Amino acid sequence: MEPYQRARNIKTLWVLILFGLAYSGLLHYHRTLTGRNEMDGIISVLLGLYICSHPAANVVDMLFFKRSDRRLFSSRWFAVLWVAFNMFVLLIGWIVIFMGTTRFFSKGD
């Protein structure tokens, strides 16, 4: 096993989706979580960047580092589903980042 080899972990991606949706829901229904828009924005952007880092790393690993390994996916269809799922997690991360940046630059209520 290579030292930098990352396993495809669907559970981690599901947990990231849940964190992103939960934080976005809390931020949407409660006007502020910390009492300051700037702090909510900073937390949201950092959480969104963390959420986006995992699927981005998975896709980069798949495209560049493991392209010669045919055993990764049993069919091309599973490879397409894996990339689509990673793009969905990336979209959730972008939504969290967008909510954070709009919160960061919005004026206090």
C-alpha atoms as a PDB file:
ATOM      1  CA  MET A   1       0.000   0.000   0.000  1.00  0.00           C
ATOM      2  CA  GLU A   2       1.347   3.393  -0.971  1.00  0.00           C
ATOM      3  CA  PRO A   3       1.786   5.956   1.821  1.00  0.00           C
ATOM      4  CA  TYR A   4      -0.474   8.518   0.133  1.00  0.00           C
ATOM      5  CA  GLN A   5      -3.096   6.135  -1.152  1.00  0.00           C
ATOM      6  CA  ARG A   6      -6.586   7.203  -0.126  1.00  0.00           C
ATOM      7  CA  ALA A   7      -9.444   4.784   0.056  1.00  0.00           C
ATOM      8  CA  ARG A   8     -12.801   5.652  -1.427  1.00  0.00           C
ATOM      9  CA  ASN A   9     -14.870   6.199   1.671  1.00  0.00           C
ATOM     10  CA  ILE A  10     -18.551   6.800   1.012  1.00  0.00           C
ATOM     11  CA  LYS A  11     -19.312   7.113   4.736  1.00  0.00           C
ATOM     12  CA  THR A  12     -17.015  10.117   5.017  1.00  0.00           C
ATOM     13  CA  LEU A  13     -18.741  11.803   2.098  1.00  0.00           C
ATOM     14  CA  TRP A  14     -22.184  11.145   3.611  1.00  0.00           C
ATOM     15  CA  VAL A  15     -21.037  12.650   6.921  1.00  0.00           C
ATOM     16  CA  LEU A  16     -19.761  15.724   5.072  1.00  0.00           C
ATOM     17  CA  ILE A  17     -23.114  16.070   3.301  1.00  0.00           C
ATOM     18  CA  LEU A  18     -24.928  15.855   6.626  1.00  0.00           C
ATOM     19  CA  PHE A  19     -22.630  18.442   8.237  1.00  0.00           C
ATOM     20  CA  GLY A  20     -23.064  20.801   5.314  1.00  0.00           C
ATOM     21  CA  LEU A  21     -26.833  20.481   5.202  1.00  0.00           C
ATOM     22  CA  ALA A  22     -27.183  20.721   8.979  1.00  0.00           C
ATOM     23  CA  TYR A  23     -25.013  23.827   9.207  1.00  0.00           C
ATOM     24  CA  SER A  24     -26.750  25.458   6.245  1.00  0.00           C
ATOM     25  CA  GLY A  25     -30.152  24.683   7.753  1.00  0.00           C
ATOM     26  CA  LEU A  26     -29.166  26.091  11.135  1.00  0.00           C
ATOM     27  CA  LEU A  27     -27.738  29.205   9.540  1.00  0.00           C
ATOM     28  CA  HIS A  28     -30.866  29.656   7.430  1.00  0.00           C
ATOM     29  CA  TYR A  29     -33.423  29.216  10.201  1.00  0.00           C
ATOM     30  CA  HIS A  30     -31.462  30.996  12.928  1.00  0.00           C
ATOM     31  CA  ARG A  31     -30.295  34.345  11.743  1.00  0.00           C
ATOM     32  CA  THR A  32     -26.980  33.913  13.519  1.00  0.00           C
ATOM     33  CA  LEU A  33     -25.320  31.083  15.383  1.00  0.00           C
ATOM     34  CA  THR A  34     -22.519  32.963  17.112  1.00  0.00           C
ATOM     35  CA  GLY A  35     -24.130  36.385  17.370  1.00  0.00           C
ATOM     36  CA  ARG A  36     -21.868  37.938  14.752  1.00  0.00           C
ATOM     37  CA  ASN A  37     -22.283  37.673  10.991  1.00  0.00           C
ATOM     38  CA  GLU A  38     -18.528  37.849  10.437  1.00  0.00           C
ATOM     39  CA  MET A  39     -17.872  34.887  12.702  1.00  0.00           C
ATOM     40  CA  ASP A  40     -20.698  32.865  11.125  1.00  0.00           C
ATOM     41  CA  GLY A  41     -19.258  33.643   7.696  1.00  0.00           C
ATOM     42  CA  ILE A  42     -15.740  32.590   8.652  1.00  0.00           C
ATOM     43  CA  ILE A  43     -16.953  29.301  10.149  1.00  0.00           C
ATOM     44  CA  SER A  44     -19.139  28.624   7.120  1.00  0.00           C
ATOM     45  CA  VAL A  45     -16.389  29.302   4.586  1.00  0.00           C
ATOM     46  CA  LEU A  46     -13.909  27.109   6.459  1.00  0.00           C
ATOM     47  CA  LEU A  47     -16.469  24.306   6.783  1.00  0.00           C
ATOM     48  CA  GLY A  48     -17.323  24.609   3.086  1.00  0.00           C
ATOM     49  CA  LEU A  49     -13.664  24.444   2.098  1.00  0.00           C
ATOM     50  CA  TYR A  50     -13.203  21.359   4.250  1.00  0.00           C
ATOM     51  CA  ILE A  51     -16.260  19.731   2.679  1.00  0.00           C
ATOM     52  CA  CYS A  52     -14.984  20.523  -0.821  1.00  0.00           C
ATOM     53  CA  SER A  53     -11.492  19.203  -0.115  1.00  0.00           C
ATOM     54  CA  HIS A  54     -12.508  15.542   0.161  1.00  0.00           C
ATOM     55  CA  PRO A  55     -14.340  15.108  -3.154  1.00  0.00           C
ATOM     56  CA  ALA A  56     -11.745  17.224  -4.946  1.00  0.00           C
ATOM     57  CA  ALA A  57      -8.978  14.974  -3.611  1.00  0.00           C
ATOM     58  CA  ASN A  58     -10.951  11.868  -4.621  1.00  0.00           C
ATOM     59  CA  VAL A  59     -11.408  13.062  -8.192  1.00  0.00           C
ATOM     60  CA  VAL A  60      -7.771  14.146  -8.523  1.00  0.00           C
ATOM     61  CA  ASP A  61      -6.648  10.762  -7.191  1.00  0.00           C
ATOM     62  CA  MET A  62      -8.916   8.971  -9.621  1.00  0.00           C
ATOM     63  CA  LEU A  63      -7.903  11.034 -12.648  1.00  0.00           C
ATOM     64  CA  PHE A  64      -4.160  11.304 -12.174  1.00  0.00           C
ATOM     65  CA  PHE A  65      -2.805   8.770  -9.726  1.00  0.00           C
ATOM     66  CA  LYS A  66      -4.938   5.692 -10.325  1.00  0.00           C
ATOM     67  CA  ARG A  67      -5.779   5.856 -13.993  1.00  0.00           C
ATOM     68  CA  SER A  68      -3.825   2.689 -14.812  1.00  0.00           C
ATOM     69  CA  ASP A  69      -5.463   0.631 -12.075  1.00  0.00           C
ATOM     70  CA  ARG A  70      -8.427  -1.168 -13.656  1.00  0.00           C
ATOM     71  CA  ARG A  71      -9.470  -2.870 -10.402  1.00  0.00           C
ATOM     72  CA  LEU A  72     -10.829   0.294  -8.806  1.00  0.00           C
ATOM     73  CA  PHE A  73     -14.272   0.041 -10.367  1.00  0.00           C
ATOM     74  CA  SER A  74     -16.104  -3.062 -11.485  1.00  0.00           C
ATOM     75  CA  SER A  75     -17.556  -1.154 -14.427  1.00  0.00           C
ATOM     76  CA  ARG A  76     -17.432   2.231 -16.080  1.00  0.00           C
ATOM     77  CA  TRP A  77     -20.912   2.924 -14.710  1.00  0.00           C
ATOM     78  CA  PHE A  78     -19.635   2.763 -11.107  1.00  0.00           C
ATOM     79  CA  ALA A  79     -16.844   5.166 -11.994  1.00  0.00           C
ATOM     80  CA  VAL A  80     -19.391   7.631 -13.379  1.00  0.00           C
ATOM     81  CA  LEU A  81     -21.545   7.255 -10.252  1.00  0.00           C
ATOM     82  CA  TRP A  82     -18.500   7.821  -8.042  1.00  0.00           C
ATOM     83  CA  VAL A  83     -17.602  11.024  -9.861  1.00  0.00           C
ATOM     84  CA  ALA A  84     -21.245  12.209  -9.785  1.00  0.00           C
ATOM     85  CA  PHE A  85     -21.454  11.574  -6.037  1.00  0.00           C
ATOM     86  CA  ASN A  86     -18.228  13.502  -5.491  1.00  0.00           C
ATOM     87  CA  MET A  87     -19.588  16.381  -7.562  1.00  0.00           C
ATOM     88  CA  PHE A  88     -22.740  16.385  -5.416  1.00  0.00           C
ATOM     89  CA  VAL A  89     -20.646  16.669  -2.248  1.00  0.00           C
ATOM     90  CA  LEU A  90     -18.648  19.429  -3.917  1.00  0.00           C
ATOM     91  CA  LEU A  91     -21.899  21.264  -4.696  1.00  0.00           C
ATOM     92  CA  ILE A  92     -22.949  21.038  -1.038  1.00  0.00           C
ATOM     93  CA  GLY A  93     -19.584  22.501  -0.052  1.00  0.00           C
ATOM     94  CA  TRP A  94     -20.001  25.342  -2.536  1.00  0.00           C
ATOM     95  CA  ILE A  95     -23.448  26.104  -1.114  1.00  0.00           C
ATOM     96  CA  VAL A  96     -21.982  26.295   2.391  1.00  0.00           C
ATOM     97  CA  ILE A  97     -19.210  28.594   1.135  1.00  0.00           C
ATOM     98  CA  PHE A  98     -21.743  30.794  -0.676  1.00  0.00           C
ATOM     99  CA  MET A  99     -23.898  31.080   2.430  1.00  0.00           C
ATOM    100  CA  GLY A 100     -20.816  31.994   4.433  1.00  0.00           C
ATOM    101  CA  THR A 101     -19.610  34.665   2.057  1.00  0.00           C
ATOM    102  CA  THR A 102     -23.050  36.254   1.850  1.00  0.00           C
ATOM    103  CA  ARG A 103     -23.264  36.142   5.653  1.00  0.00           C
ATOM    104  CA  PHE A 104     -19.762  37.559   6.001  1.00  0.00           C
ATOM    105  CA  PHE A 105     -20.448  40.545   3.765  1.00  0.00           C
ATOM    106  CA  SER A 106     -24.038  41.213   4.859  1.00  0.00           C
ATOM    107  CA  LYS A 107     -24.884  44.043   7.184  1.00  0.00           C
ATOM    108  CA  GLY A 108     -26.121  43.182  10.657  1.00  0.00           C
ATOM    109  CA  ASP A 109     -29.864  42.912  11.204  1.00  0.00           C
END
